Amino acid sequence: MNEYEEEFSEVVADLDQVEDVPTDDLFAVLSRDGACMWVRTTGEEPQWTGDDRVDRALAAPICGGCPVRRECLEFEFRTSGYALSGVWGPLSEEERRAAFVVWLDRRDGLGDEASAGGDQP
């Protein structure tokens, strides 16, 4: 097991709880319950910089208390695959790419939706 597999195996294993939830249902839950969605509607959304470390720090207080972090990360993996951007779940792009590889391996490479999102390493 490499360092990424070790680091993200627990995070990815937690996603098994939402593996059978349809993608449209995940989106509905995120839209309704996602803390970032509420921030957008209140006009309190941070000024994203495009710098991964800065944006992650800005997202941390929002994502930290979000009730749908698991659903958020699962949705991101399914819809963006390896070609992801921004802060989701609240992992940085680099962390999500590493976790995505572990997720895809755990799902036995059956993530057709996710693999459509871009080239894998």
PDB file of N, CA and C in Angstrom:
ATOM      1  N   MET A   1       0.850  -1.174   0.000  1.00  0.00           N
ATOM      2  CA  MET A   1       0.000   0.000   0.000  1.00  0.00           C
ATOM      3  C   MET A   1       0.898   1.239   0.000  1.00  0.00           C
ATOM      4  N   ASN A   2       0.687   2.148  -0.980  1.00  0.00           N
ATOM      5  CA  ASN A   2       1.506   3.358  -1.015  1.00  0.00           C
ATOM      6  C   ASN A   2       0.940   4.412  -0.064  1.00  0.00           C
ATOM      7  N   GLU A   3       1.642   5.547   0.039  1.00  0.00           N
ATOM      8  CA  GLU A   3       1.250   6.575   1.014  1.00  0.00           C
ATOM      9  C   GLU A   3      -0.143   7.135   0.736  1.00  0.00           C
ATOM     10  N   TYR A   4      -0.505   7.302  -0.542  1.00  0.00           N
ATOM     11  CA  TYR A   4      -1.832   7.821  -0.866  1.00  0.00           C
ATOM     12  C   TYR A   4      -2.918   6.820  -0.509  1.00  0.00           C
ATOM     13  N   GLU A   5      -2.677   5.556  -0.814  1.00  0.00           N
ATOM     14  CA  GLU A   5      -3.665   4.539  -0.472  1.00  0.00           C
ATOM     15  C   GLU A   5      -3.899   4.505   1.023  1.00  0.00           C
ATOM     16  N   GLU A   6      -2.821   4.595   1.784  1.00  0.00           N
ATOM     17  CA  GLU A   6      -2.945   4.613   3.240  1.00  0.00           C
ATOM     18  C   GLU A   6      -3.712   5.833   3.707  1.00  0.00           C
ATOM     19  N   GLU A   7      -3.309   6.984   3.195  1.00  0.00           N
ATOM     20  CA  GLU A   7      -3.895   8.244   3.646  1.00  0.00           C
ATOM     21  C   GLU A   7      -5.377   8.353   3.306  1.00  0.00           C
ATOM     22  N   PHE A   8      -5.776   7.873   2.144  1.00  0.00           N
ATOM     23  CA  PHE A   8      -7.143   8.086   1.687  1.00  0.00           C
ATOM     24  C   PHE A   8      -8.032   6.852   1.746  1.00  0.00           C
ATOM     25  N   SER A   9      -7.507   5.725   2.167  1.00  0.00           N
ATOM     26  CA  SER A   9      -8.330   4.515   2.193  1.00  0.00           C
ATOM     27  C   SER A   9      -9.527   4.655   3.126  1.00  0.00           C
ATOM     28  N   GLU A  10      -9.343   5.320   4.258  1.00  0.00           N
ATOM     29  CA  GLU A  10     -10.459   5.507   5.190  1.00  0.00           C
ATOM     30  C   GLU A  10     -11.501   6.475   4.617  1.00  0.00           C
ATOM     31  N   VAL A  11     -11.032   7.549   4.002  1.00  0.00           N
ATOM     32  CA  VAL A  11     -11.938   8.517   3.380  1.00  0.00           C
ATOM     33  C   VAL A  11     -12.761   7.834   2.301  1.00  0.00           C
ATOM     34  N   VAL A  12     -12.091   7.069   1.457  1.00  0.00           N
ATOM     35  CA  VAL A  12     -12.755   6.395   0.350  1.00  0.00           C
ATOM     36  C   VAL A  12     -13.690   5.296   0.857  1.00  0.00           C
ATOM     37  N   ALA A  13     -13.288   4.566   1.880  1.00  0.00           N
ATOM     38  CA  ALA A  13     -14.154   3.527   2.447  1.00  0.00           C
ATOM     39  C   ALA A  13     -15.451   4.138   2.967  1.00  0.00           C
ATOM     40  N   ASP A  14     -15.370   5.341   3.505  1.00  0.00           N
ATOM     41  CA  ASP A  14     -16.562   6.026   4.005  1.00  0.00           C
ATOM     42  C   ASP A  14     -17.555   6.305   2.877  1.00  0.00           C
ATOM     43  N   LEU A  15     -17.060   6.469   1.660  1.00  0.00           N
ATOM     44  CA  LEU A  15     -17.937   6.740   0.522  1.00  0.00           C
ATOM     45  C   LEU A  15     -18.777   5.531   0.129  1.00  0.00           C
ATOM     46  N   ASP A  16     -18.404   4.351   0.611  1.00  0.00           N
ATOM     47  CA  ASP A  16     -19.200   3.156   0.324  1.00  0.00           C
ATOM     48  C   ASP A  16     -20.640   3.323   0.801  1.00  0.00           C
ATOM     49  N   GLN A  17     -20.841   4.168   1.799  1.00  0.00           N
ATOM     50  CA  GLN A  17     -22.187   4.382   2.338  1.00  0.00           C
ATOM     51  C   GLN A  17     -23.121   5.035   1.323  1.00  0.00           C
ATOM     52  N   VAL A  18     -22.565   5.718   0.339  1.00  0.00           N
ATOM     53  CA  VAL A  18     -23.401   6.382  -0.668  1.00  0.00           C
ATOM     54  C   VAL A  18     -23.168   5.819  -2.074  1.00  0.00           C
ATOM     55  N   GLU A  19     -22.507   4.693  -2.145  1.00  0.00           N
ATOM     56  CA  GLU A  19     -22.183   4.090  -3.446  1.00  0.00           C
ATOM     57  C   GLU A  19     -23.427   3.809  -4.286  1.00  0.00           C
ATOM     58  N   ASP A  20     -24.512   3.389  -3.656  1.00  0.00           N
ATOM     59  CA  ASP A  20     -25.715   3.009  -4.393  1.00  0.00           C
ATOM     60  C   ASP A  20     -26.707   4.157  -4.587  1.00  0.00           C
ATOM     61  N   VAL A  21     -26.364   5.328  -4.109  1.00  0.00           N
ATOM     62  CA  VAL A  21     -27.246   6.485  -4.270  1.00  0.00           C
ATOM     63  C   VAL A  21     -27.084   7.012  -5.701  1.00  0.00           C
ATOM     64  N   PRO A  22     -28.181   7.161  -6.437  1.00  0.00           N
ATOM     65  CA  PRO A  22     -28.069   7.688  -7.800  1.00  0.00           C
ATOM     66  C   PRO A  22     -27.435   9.086  -7.816  1.00  0.00           C
ATOM     67  N   THR A  23     -26.698   9.368  -8.858  1.00  0.00           N
ATOM     68  CA  THR A  23     -25.996  10.641  -8.978  1.00  0.00           C
ATOM     69  C   THR A  23     -26.957  11.825  -8.904  1.00  0.00           C
ATOM     70  N   ASP A  24     -28.111  11.716  -9.534  1.00  0.00           N
ATOM     71  CA  ASP A  24     -29.094  12.807  -9.469  1.00  0.00           C
ATOM     72  C   ASP A  24     -29.555  13.059  -8.043  1.00  0.00           C
ATOM     73  N   ASP A  25     -29.685  11.998  -7.260  1.00  0.00           N
ATOM     74  CA  ASP A  25     -30.081  12.152  -5.859  1.00  0.00           C
ATOM     75  C   ASP A  25     -28.967  12.811  -5.046  1.00  0.00           C
ATOM     76  N   LEU A  26     -27.717  12.454  -5.345  1.00  0.00           N
ATOM     77  CA  LEU A  26     -26.598  13.118  -4.670  1.00  0.00           C
ATOM     78  C   LEU A  26     -26.624  14.616  -4.955  1.00  0.00           C
ATOM     79  N   PHE A  27     -26.851  14.966  -6.214  1.00  0.00           N
ATOM     80  CA  PHE A  27     -26.902  16.381  -6.583  1.00  0.00           C
ATOM     81  C   PHE A  27     -28.030  17.099  -5.847  1.00  0.00           C
ATOM     82  N   ALA A  28     -29.176  16.461  -5.740  1.00  0.00           N
ATOM     83  CA  ALA A  28     -30.311  17.068  -5.039  1.00  0.00           C
ATOM     84  C   ALA A  28     -29.978  17.314  -3.570  1.00  0.00           C
ATOM     85  N   VAL A  29     -29.313  16.345  -2.942  1.00  0.00           N
ATOM     86  CA  VAL A  29     -28.927  16.492  -1.536  1.00  0.00           C
ATOM     87  C   VAL A  29     -27.913  17.623  -1.381  1.00  0.00           C
ATOM     88  N   LEU A  30     -26.935  17.675  -2.276  1.00  0.00           N
ATOM     89  CA  LEU A  30     -25.930  18.747  -2.216  1.00  0.00           C
ATOM     90  C   LEU A  30     -26.577  20.117  -2.403  1.00  0.00           C
ATOM     91  N   SER A  31     -27.477  20.205  -3.351  1.00  0.00           N
ATOM     92  CA  SER A  31     -28.143  21.478  -3.619  1.00  0.00           C
ATOM     93  C   SER A  31     -28.989  21.937  -2.442  1.00  0.00           C
ATOM     94  N   ARG A  32     -29.598  20.986  -1.766  1.00  0.00           N
ATOM     95  CA  ARG A  32     -30.477  21.312  -0.645  1.00  0.00           C
ATOM     96  C   ARG A  32     -29.715  21.537   0.655  1.00  0.00           C
ATOM     97  N   ASP A  33     -28.719  20.674   0.942  1.00  0.00           N
ATOM     98  CA  ASP A  33     -28.092  20.649   2.265  1.00  0.00           C
ATOM     99  C   ASP A  33     -26.636  21.100   2.302  1.00  0.00           C
ATOM    100  N   GLY A  34     -26.017  21.281   1.150  1.00  0.00           N
ATOM    101  CA  GLY A  34     -24.598  21.643   1.123  1.00  0.00           C
ATOM    102  C   GLY A  34     -24.345  23.018   1.714  1.00  0.00           C
ATOM    103  N   ALA A  35     -23.416  23.101   2.639  1.00  0.00           N
ATOM    104  CA  ALA A  35     -23.092  24.380   3.276  1.00  0.00           C
ATOM    105  C   ALA A  35     -22.639  25.410   2.249  1.00  0.00           C
ATOM    106  N   CYS A  36     -21.933  24.975   1.222  1.00  0.00           N
ATOM    107  CA  CYS A  36     -21.460  25.919   0.206  1.00  0.00           C
ATOM    108  C   CYS A  36     -22.626  26.509  -0.577  1.00  0.00           C
ATOM    109  N   MET A  37     -23.703  25.756  -0.716  1.00  0.00           N
ATOM    110  CA  MET A  37     -24.876  26.279  -1.415  1.00  0.00           C
ATOM    111  C   MET A  37     -25.538  27.386  -0.602  1.00  0.00           C
ATOM    112  N   TRP A  38     -25.568  27.200   0.705  1.00  0.00           N
ATOM    113  CA  TRP A  38     -26.157  28.224   1.577  1.00  0.00           C
ATOM    114  C   TRP A  38     -25.309  29.487   1.559  1.00  0.00           C
ATOM    115  N   VAL A  39     -23.999  29.319   1.545  1.00  0.00           N
ATOM    116  CA  VAL A  39     -23.103  30.478   1.520  1.00  0.00           C
ATOM    117  C   VAL A  39     -23.331  31.287   0.250  1.00  0.00           C
ATOM    118  N   ARG A  40     -23.529  30.595  -0.850  1.00  0.00           N
ATOM    119  CA  ARG A  40     -23.759  31.294  -2.125  1.00  0.00           C
ATOM    120  C   ARG A  40     -25.045  32.112  -2.088  1.00  0.00           C
ATOM    121  N   THR A  41     -26.080  31.571  -1.478  1.00  0.00           N
ATOM    122  CA  THR A  41     -27.364  32.271  -1.464  1.00  0.00           C
ATOM    123  C   THR A  41     -27.382  33.445  -0.495  1.00  0.00           C
ATOM    124  N   THR A  42     -26.492  33.451   0.489  1.00  0.00           N
ATOM    125  CA  THR A  42     -26.456  34.554   1.453  1.00  0.00           C
ATOM    126  C   THR A  42     -25.523  35.674   1.018  1.00  0.00           C
ATOM    127  N   GLY A  43     -24.780  35.440  -0.062  1.00  0.00           N
ATOM    128  CA  GLY A  43     -23.840  36.450  -0.525  1.00  0.00           C
ATOM    129  C   GLY A  43     -22.550  36.487   0.268  1.00  0.00           C
ATOM    130  N   GLU A  44     -22.309  35.461   1.072  1.00  0.00           N
ATOM    131  CA  GLU A  44     -21.111  35.417   1.908  1.00  0.00           C
ATOM    132  C   GLU A  44     -20.032  34.494   1.342  1.00  0.00           C
ATOM    133  N   GLU A  45     -20.123  34.198   0.060  1.00  0.00           N
ATOM    134  CA  GLU A  45     -19.138  33.308  -0.556  1.00  0.00           C
ATOM    135  C   GLU A  45     -17.769  33.983  -0.566  1.00  0.00           C
ATOM    136  N   PRO A  46     -16.728  33.234  -0.193  1.00  0.00           N
ATOM    137  CA  PRO A  46     -15.371  33.808  -0.198  1.00  0.00           C
ATOM    138  C   PRO A  46     -14.941  34.193  -1.609  1.00  0.00           C
ATOM    139  N   GLN A  47     -13.950  35.035  -1.689  1.00  0.00           N
ATOM    140  CA  GLN A  47     -13.352  35.385  -2.972  1.00  0.00           C
ATOM    141  C   GLN A  47     -12.311  34.318  -3.305  1.00  0.00           C
ATOM    142  N   TRP A  48     -12.694  33.357  -4.131  1.00  0.00           N
ATOM    143  CA  TRP A  48     -11.788  32.275  -4.498  1.00  0.00           C
ATOM    144  C   TRP A  48     -10.630  32.844  -5.299  1.00  0.00           C
ATOM    145  N   THR A  49      -9.439  32.312  -5.063  1.00  0.00           N
ATOM    146  CA  THR A  49      -8.228  32.850  -5.681  1.00  0.00           C
ATOM    147  C   THR A  49      -7.692  31.991  -6.818  1.00  0.00           C
ATOM    148  N   GLY A  50      -8.063  30.715  -6.823  1.00  0.00           N
ATOM    149  CA  GLY A  50      -7.471  29.790  -7.781  1.00  0.00           C
ATOM    150  C   GLY A  50      -6.205  29.143  -7.248  1.00  0.00           C
ATOM    151  N   ASP A  51      -5.700  29.634  -6.139  1.00  0.00           N
ATOM    152  CA  ASP A  51      -4.547  29.032  -5.465  1.00  0.00           C
ATOM    153  C   ASP A  51      -5.084  27.936  -4.548  1.00  0.00           C
ATOM    154  N   ASP A  52      -4.664  26.714  -4.792  1.00  0.00           N
ATOM    155  CA  ASP A  52      -5.212  25.555  -4.096  1.00  0.00           C
ATOM    156  C   ASP A  52      -5.125  25.689  -2.577  1.00  0.00           C
ATOM    157  N   ARG A  53      -3.978  26.107  -2.075  1.00  0.00           N
ATOM    158  CA  ARG A  53      -3.812  26.201  -0.612  1.00  0.00           C
ATOM    159  C   ARG A  53      -4.680  27.302  -0.015  1.00  0.00           C
ATOM    160  N   VAL A  54      -4.724  28.433  -0.676  1.00  0.00           N
ATOM    161  CA  VAL A  54      -5.535  29.549  -0.178  1.00  0.00           C
ATOM    162  C   VAL A  54      -7.018  29.188  -0.231  1.00  0.00           C
ATOM    163  N   ASP A  55      -7.458  28.633  -1.359  1.00  0.00           N
ATOM    164  CA  ASP A  55      -8.871  28.280  -1.500  1.00  0.00           C
ATOM    165  C   ASP A  55      -9.283  27.193  -0.521  1.00  0.00           C
ATOM    166  N   ARG A  56      -8.381  26.276  -0.258  1.00  0.00           N
ATOM    167  CA  ARG A  56      -8.704  25.236   0.721  1.00  0.00           C
ATOM    168  C   ARG A  56      -8.891  25.858   2.105  1.00  0.00           C
ATOM    169  N   ALA A  57      -8.052  26.800   2.455  1.00  0.00           N
ATOM    170  CA  ALA A  57      -8.193  27.483   3.745  1.00  0.00           C
ATOM    171  C   ALA A  57      -9.506  28.261   3.806  1.00  0.00           C
ATOM    172  N   LEU A  58      -9.900  28.866   2.694  1.00  0.00           N
ATOM    173  CA  LEU A  58     -11.174  29.581   2.645  1.00  0.00           C
ATOM    174  C   LEU A  58     -12.357  28.619   2.761  1.00  0.00           C
ATOM    175  N   ALA A  59     -12.214  27.434   2.174  1.00  0.00           N
ATOM    176  CA  ALA A  59     -13.305  26.455   2.181  1.00  0.00           C
ATOM    177  C   ALA A  59     -13.419  25.701   3.498  1.00  0.00           C
ATOM    178  N   ALA A  60     -12.332  25.592   4.226  1.00  0.00           N
ATOM    179  CA  ALA A  60     -12.318  24.763   5.441  1.00  0.00           C
ATOM    180  C   ALA A  60     -13.439  25.083   6.421  1.00  0.00           C
ATOM    181  N   PRO A  61     -13.690  26.350   6.755  1.00  0.00           N
ATOM    182  CA  PRO A  61     -14.775  26.611   7.702  1.00  0.00           C
ATOM    183  C   PRO A  61     -16.157  26.288   7.131  1.00  0.00           C
ATOM    184  N   ILE A  62     -16.296  26.384   5.823  1.00  0.00           N
ATOM    185  CA  ILE A  62     -17.577  26.061   5.188  1.00  0.00           C
ATOM    186  C   ILE A  62     -17.761  24.548   5.156  1.00  0.00           C
ATOM    187  N   CYS A  63     -16.762  23.845   4.642  1.00  0.00           N
ATOM    188  CA  CYS A  63     -16.845  22.391   4.502  1.00  0.00           C
ATOM    189  C   CYS A  63     -16.793  21.677   5.849  1.00  0.00           C
ATOM    190  N   GLY A  64     -16.076  22.270   6.796  1.00  0.00           N
ATOM    191  CA  GLY A  64     -15.867  21.609   8.078  1.00  0.00           C
ATOM    192  C   GLY A  64     -17.145  21.198   8.779  1.00  0.00           C
ATOM    193  N   GLY A  65     -18.156  22.026   8.717  1.00  0.00           N
ATOM    194  CA  GLY A  65     -19.413  21.706   9.385  1.00  0.00           C
ATOM    195  C   GLY A  65     -20.501  21.236   8.446  1.00  0.00           C
ATOM    196  N   CYS A  66     -20.148  20.980   7.211  1.00  0.00           N
ATOM    197  CA  CYS A  66     -21.153  20.598   6.220  1.00  0.00           C
ATOM    198  C   CYS A  66     -21.675  19.186   6.487  1.00  0.00           C
ATOM    199  N   PRO A  67     -22.985  19.010   6.466  1.00  0.00           N
ATOM    200  CA  PRO A  67     -23.557  17.693   6.739  1.00  0.00           C
ATOM    201  C   PRO A  67     -23.473  16.718   5.563  1.00  0.00           C
ATOM    202  N   VAL A  68     -23.038  17.188   4.389  1.00  0.00           N
ATOM    203  CA  VAL A  68     -23.030  16.310   3.214  1.00  0.00           C
ATOM    204  C   VAL A  68     -21.647  16.219   2.557  1.00  0.00           C
ATOM    205  N   ARG A  69     -20.599  16.233   3.365  1.00  0.00           N
ATOM    206  CA  ARG A  69     -19.237  16.121   2.807  1.00  0.00           C
ATOM    207  C   ARG A  69     -19.055  14.814   2.050  1.00  0.00           C
ATOM    208  N   ARG A  70     -19.563  13.739   2.605  1.00  0.00           N
ATOM    209  CA  ARG A  70     -19.433  12.421   1.968  1.00  0.00           C
ATOM    210  C   ARG A  70     -20.105  12.449   0.592  1.00  0.00           C
ATOM    211  N   GLU A  71     -21.315  12.934   0.543  1.00  0.00           N
ATOM    212  CA  GLU A  71     -22.060  12.991  -0.711  1.00  0.00           C
ATOM    213  C   GLU A  71     -21.369  13.912  -1.717  1.00  0.00           C
ATOM    214  N   CYS A  72     -20.794  14.987  -1.216  1.00  0.00           N
ATOM    215  CA  CYS A  72     -20.084  15.952  -2.054  1.00  0.00           C
ATOM    216  C   CYS A  72     -18.893  15.296  -2.761  1.00  0.00           C
ATOM    217  N   LEU A  73     -18.091  14.592  -2.007  1.00  0.00           N
ATOM    218  CA  LEU A  73     -16.907  13.958  -2.578  1.00  0.00           C
ATOM    219  C   LEU A  73     -17.295  12.841  -3.543  1.00  0.00           C
ATOM    220  N   GLU A  74     -18.293  12.055  -3.193  1.00  0.00           N
ATOM    221  CA  GLU A  74     -18.774  10.998  -4.085  1.00  0.00           C
ATOM    222  C   GLU A  74     -19.266  11.603  -5.400  1.00  0.00           C
ATOM    223  N   PHE A  75     -20.037  12.670  -5.315  1.00  0.00           N
ATOM    224  CA  PHE A  75     -20.548  13.339  -6.512  1.00  0.00           C
ATOM    225  C   PHE A  75     -19.397  13.845  -7.382  1.00  0.00           C
ATOM    226  N   GLU A  76     -18.423  14.460  -6.762  1.00  0.00           N
ATOM    227  CA  GLU A  76     -17.268  14.985  -7.503  1.00  0.00           C
ATOM    228  C   GLU A  76     -16.527  13.863  -8.226  1.00  0.00           C
ATOM    229  N   PHE A  77     -16.299  12.744  -7.554  1.00  0.00           N
ATOM    230  CA  PHE A  77     -15.599  11.628  -8.193  1.00  0.00           C
ATOM    231  C   PHE A  77     -16.393  11.093  -9.377  1.00  0.00           C
ATOM    232  N   ARG A  78     -17.689  10.954  -9.209  1.00  0.00           N
ATOM    233  CA  ARG A  78     -18.512  10.411 -10.292  1.00  0.00           C
ATOM    234  C   ARG A  78     -18.588  11.338 -11.491  1.00  0.00           C
ATOM    235  N   THR A  79     -18.694  12.616 -11.253  1.00  0.00           N
ATOM    236  CA  THR A  79     -18.960  13.542 -12.352  1.00  0.00           C
ATOM    237  C   THR A  79     -17.711  14.157 -12.965  1.00  0.00           C
ATOM    238  N   SER A  80     -16.645  14.273 -12.195  1.00  0.00           N
ATOM    239  CA  SER A  80     -15.431  14.897 -12.729  1.00  0.00           C
ATOM    240  C   SER A  80     -14.297  13.920 -12.939  1.00  0.00           C
ATOM    241  N   GLY A  81     -14.310  12.827 -12.197  1.00  0.00           N
ATOM    242  CA  GLY A  81     -13.229  11.877 -12.329  1.00  0.00           C
ATOM    243  C   GLY A  81     -11.899  12.502 -11.971  1.00  0.00           C
ATOM    244  N   TYR A  82     -10.898  12.200 -12.755  1.00  0.00           N
ATOM    245  CA  TYR A  82      -9.553  12.706 -12.480  1.00  0.00           C
ATOM    246  C   TYR A  82      -9.406  14.169 -12.908  1.00  0.00           C
ATOM    247  N   ALA A  83     -10.301  14.638 -13.766  1.00  0.00           N
ATOM    248  CA  ALA A  83     -10.227  16.020 -14.272  1.00  0.00           C
ATOM    249  C   ALA A  83     -11.058  16.944 -13.396  1.00  0.00           C
ATOM    250  N   LEU A  84     -10.663  17.083 -12.149  1.00  0.00           N
ATOM    251  CA  LEU A  84     -11.433  17.871 -11.203  1.00  0.00           C
ATOM    252  C   LEU A  84     -10.750  19.183 -10.914  1.00  0.00           C
ATOM    253  N   SER A  85     -11.518  20.100 -10.323  1.00  0.00           N
ATOM    254  CA  SER A  85     -10.935  21.400  -9.989  1.00  0.00           C
ATOM    255  C   SER A  85     -11.622  21.983  -8.772  1.00  0.00           C
ATOM    256  N   GLY A  86     -10.947  22.912  -8.134  1.00  0.00           N
ATOM    257  CA  GLY A  86     -11.520  23.560  -6.968  1.00  0.00           C
ATOM    258  C   GLY A  86     -11.389  22.725  -5.711  1.00  0.00           C
ATOM    259  N   VAL A  87     -12.179  23.087  -4.722  1.00  0.00           N
ATOM    260  CA  VAL A  87     -12.170  22.394  -3.433  1.00  0.00           C
ATOM    261  C   VAL A  87     -13.515  21.715  -3.268  1.00  0.00           C
ATOM    262  N   TRP A  88     -13.483  20.422  -3.102  1.00  0.00           N
ATOM    263  CA  TRP A  88     -14.700  19.640  -2.870  1.00  0.00           C
ATOM    264  C   TRP A  88     -14.424  18.699  -1.727  1.00  0.00           C
ATOM    265  N   GLY A  89     -15.282  18.642  -0.834  1.00  0.00           N
ATOM    266  CA  GLY A  89     -15.345  17.564   0.116  1.00  0.00           C
ATOM    267  C   GLY A  89     -14.584  17.491   1.393  1.00  0.00           C
ATOM    268  N   PRO A  90     -13.769  18.346   1.869  1.00  0.00           N
ATOM    269  CA  PRO A  90     -13.068  19.570   1.489  1.00  0.00           C
ATOM    270  C   PRO A  90     -11.610  19.319   1.107  1.00  0.00           C
ATOM    271  N   LEU A  91     -11.372  18.395   0.225  1.00  0.00           N
ATOM    272  CA  LEU A  91     -10.006  18.071  -0.196  1.00  0.00           C
ATOM    273  C   LEU A  91      -9.557  18.985  -1.330  1.00  0.00           C
ATOM    274  N   SER A  92      -8.278  19.255  -1.365  1.00  0.00           N
ATOM    275  CA  SER A  92      -7.707  20.040  -2.457  1.00  0.00           C
ATOM    276  C   SER A  92      -7.698  19.194  -3.730  1.00  0.00           C
ATOM    277  N   GLU A  93      -7.405  19.833  -4.861  1.00  0.00           N
ATOM    278  CA  GLU A  93      -7.346  19.106  -6.131  1.00  0.00           C
ATOM    279  C   GLU A  93      -6.351  17.953  -6.060  1.00  0.00           C
ATOM    280  N   GLU A  94      -5.168  18.225  -5.560  1.00  0.00           N
ATOM    281  CA  GLU A  94      -4.126  17.190  -5.481  1.00  0.00           C
ATOM    282  C   GLU A  94      -4.582  16.026  -4.605  1.00  0.00           C
ATOM    283  N   GLU A  95      -5.168  16.338  -3.469  1.00  0.00           N
ATOM    284  CA  GLU A  95      -5.644  15.283  -2.569  1.00  0.00           C
ATOM    285  C   GLU A  95      -6.782  14.493  -3.204  1.00  0.00           C
ATOM    286  N   ARG A  96      -7.686  15.193  -3.892  1.00  0.00           N
ATOM    287  CA  ARG A  96      -8.800  14.486  -4.529  1.00  0.00           C
ATOM    288  C   ARG A  96      -8.322  13.594  -5.662  1.00  0.00           C
ATOM    289  N   ARG A  97      -7.325  14.038  -6.401  1.00  0.00           N
ATOM    290  CA  ARG A  97      -6.806  13.183  -7.472  1.00  0.00           C
ATOM    291  C   ARG A  97      -6.228  11.894  -6.886  1.00  0.00           C
ATOM    292  N   ALA A  98      -5.487  12.030  -5.802  1.00  0.00           N
ATOM    293  CA  ALA A  98      -4.931  10.840  -5.145  1.00  0.00           C
ATOM    294  C   ALA A  98      -6.052   9.969  -4.590  1.00  0.00           C
ATOM    295  N   ALA A  99      -7.033  10.591  -3.954  1.00  0.00           N
ATOM    296  CA  ALA A  99      -8.159   9.834  -3.395  1.00  0.00           C
ATOM    297  C   ALA A  99      -8.997   9.215  -4.506  1.00  0.00           C
ATOM    298  N   PHE A 100      -9.128   9.913  -5.641  1.00  0.00           N
ATOM    299  CA  PHE A 100      -9.897   9.379  -6.761  1.00  0.00           C
ATOM    300  C   PHE A 100      -9.310   8.063  -7.255  1.00  0.00           C
ATOM    301  N   VAL A 101      -7.995   8.004  -7.358  1.00  0.00           N
ATOM    302  CA  VAL A 101      -7.341   6.771  -7.810  1.00  0.00           C
ATOM    303  C   VAL A 101      -7.658   5.628  -6.844  1.00  0.00           C
ATOM    304  N   VAL A 102      -7.619   5.913  -5.554  1.00  0.00           N
ATOM    305  CA  VAL A 102      -7.959   4.904  -4.543  1.00  0.00           C
ATOM    306  C   VAL A 102      -9.430   4.531  -4.667  1.00  0.00           C
ATOM    307  N   TRP A 103     -10.304   5.518  -4.856  1.00  0.00           N
ATOM    308  CA  TRP A 103     -11.748   5.294  -5.005  1.00  0.00           C
ATOM    309  C   TRP A 103     -12.028   4.406  -6.213  1.00  0.00           C
ATOM    310  N   LEU A 104     -11.403   4.743  -7.337  1.00  0.00           N
ATOM    311  CA  LEU A 104     -11.623   3.984  -8.566  1.00  0.00           C
ATOM    312  C   LEU A 104     -11.145   2.548  -8.401  1.00  0.00           C
ATOM    313  N   ASP A 105      -9.999   2.378  -7.767  1.00  0.00           N
ATOM    314  CA  ASP A 105      -9.482   1.037  -7.514  1.00  0.00           C
ATOM    315  C   ASP A 105     -10.427   0.261  -6.594  1.00  0.00           C
ATOM    316  N   ARG A 106     -10.938   0.932  -5.574  1.00  0.00           N
ATOM    317  CA  ARG A 106     -11.857   0.284  -4.636  1.00  0.00           C
ATOM    318  C   ARG A 106     -13.150  -0.124  -5.339  1.00  0.00           C
ATOM    319  N   ARG A 107     -13.580   0.696  -6.271  1.00  0.00           N
ATOM    320  CA  ARG A 107     -14.804   0.389  -7.016  1.00  0.00           C
ATOM    321  C   ARG A 107     -14.516  -0.568  -8.170  1.00  0.00           C
ATOM    322  N   ASP A 108     -13.316  -1.118  -8.177  1.00  0.00           N
ATOM    323  CA  ASP A 108     -12.934  -2.117  -9.178  1.00  0.00           C
ATOM    324  C   ASP A 108     -12.865  -1.553 -10.592  1.00  0.00           C
ATOM    325  N   GLY A 109     -12.601  -0.264 -10.685  1.00  0.00           N
ATOM    326  CA  GLY A 109     -12.507   0.335 -12.009  1.00  0.00           C
ATOM    327  C   GLY A 109     -13.838   0.442 -12.710  1.00  0.00           C
ATOM    328  N   LEU A 110     -14.937   0.300 -11.969  1.00  0.00           N
ATOM    329  CA  LEU A 110     -16.256   0.316 -12.576  1.00  0.00           C
ATOM    330  C   LEU A 110     -16.859   1.710 -12.631  1.00  0.00           C
ATOM    331  N   GLY A 111     -16.093   2.724 -12.311  1.00  0.00           N
ATOM    332  CA  GLY A 111     -16.618   4.085 -12.294  1.00  0.00           C
ATOM    333  C   GLY A 111     -16.688   4.675 -13.684  1.00  0.00           C
ATOM    334  N   ASP A 112     -17.575   4.160 -14.539  1.00  0.00           N
ATOM    335  CA  ASP A 112     -17.669   4.641 -15.913  1.00  0.00           C
ATOM    336  C   ASP A 112     -17.922   6.134 -15.981  1.00  0.00           C
ATOM    337  N   GLU A 113     -18.823   6.634 -15.133  1.00  0.00           N
ATOM    338  CA  GLU A 113     -19.104   8.065 -15.133  1.00  0.00           C
ATOM    339  C   GLU A 113     -17.848   8.831 -14.760  1.00  0.00           C
ATOM    340  N   ALA A 114     -17.145   8.350 -13.743  1.00  0.00           N
ATOM    341  CA  ALA A 114     -15.968   9.057 -13.248  1.00  0.00           C
ATOM    342  C   ALA A 114     -14.836   9.019 -14.262  1.00  0.00           C
ATOM    343  N   SER A 115     -14.625   7.884 -14.884  1.00  0.00           N
ATOM    344  CA  SER A 115     -13.504   7.787 -15.808  1.00  0.00           C
ATOM    345  C   SER A 115     -13.730   8.649 -17.038  1.00  0.00           C
ATOM    346  N   ALA A 116     -14.977   9.008 -17.304  1.00  0.00           N
ATOM    347  CA  ALA A 116     -15.263   9.885 -18.431  1.00  0.00           C
ATOM    348  C   ALA A 116     -14.800  11.306 -18.156  1.00  0.00           C
ATOM    349  N   GLY A 117     -14.493  11.603 -16.895  1.00  0.00           N
ATOM    350  CA  GLY A 117     -14.128  12.955 -16.509  1.00  0.00           C
ATOM    351  C   GLY A 117     -12.738  13.372 -16.927  1.00  0.00           C
ATOM    352  N   GLY A 118     -11.915  12.472 -17.359  1.00  0.00           N
ATOM    353  CA  GLY A 118     -10.577  12.877 -17.783  1.00  0.00           C
ATOM    354  C   GLY A 118      -9.594  11.746 -17.672  1.00  0.00           C
ATOM    355  N   ASP A 119      -8.410  12.017 -18.171  1.00  0.00           N
ATOM    356  CA  ASP A 119      -7.364  11.005 -18.140  1.00  0.00           C
ATOM    357  C   ASP A 119      -6.937  10.726 -16.720  1.00  0.00           C
ATOM    358  N   GLN A 120      -6.619   9.491 -16.484  1.00  0.00           N
ATOM    359  CA  GLN A 120      -6.125   9.075 -15.183  1.00  0.00           C
ATOM    360  C   GLN A 120      -4.617   8.961 -15.254  1.00  0.00           C
ATOM    361  N   PRO A 121      -3.979   8.949 -14.085  1.00  0.00           N
ATOM    362  CA  PRO A 121      -2.518   8.841 -14.074  1.00  0.00           C
ATOM    363  C   PRO A 121      -2.056   7.518 -14.631  1.00  0.00           C
TER     364      PRO A 121
END
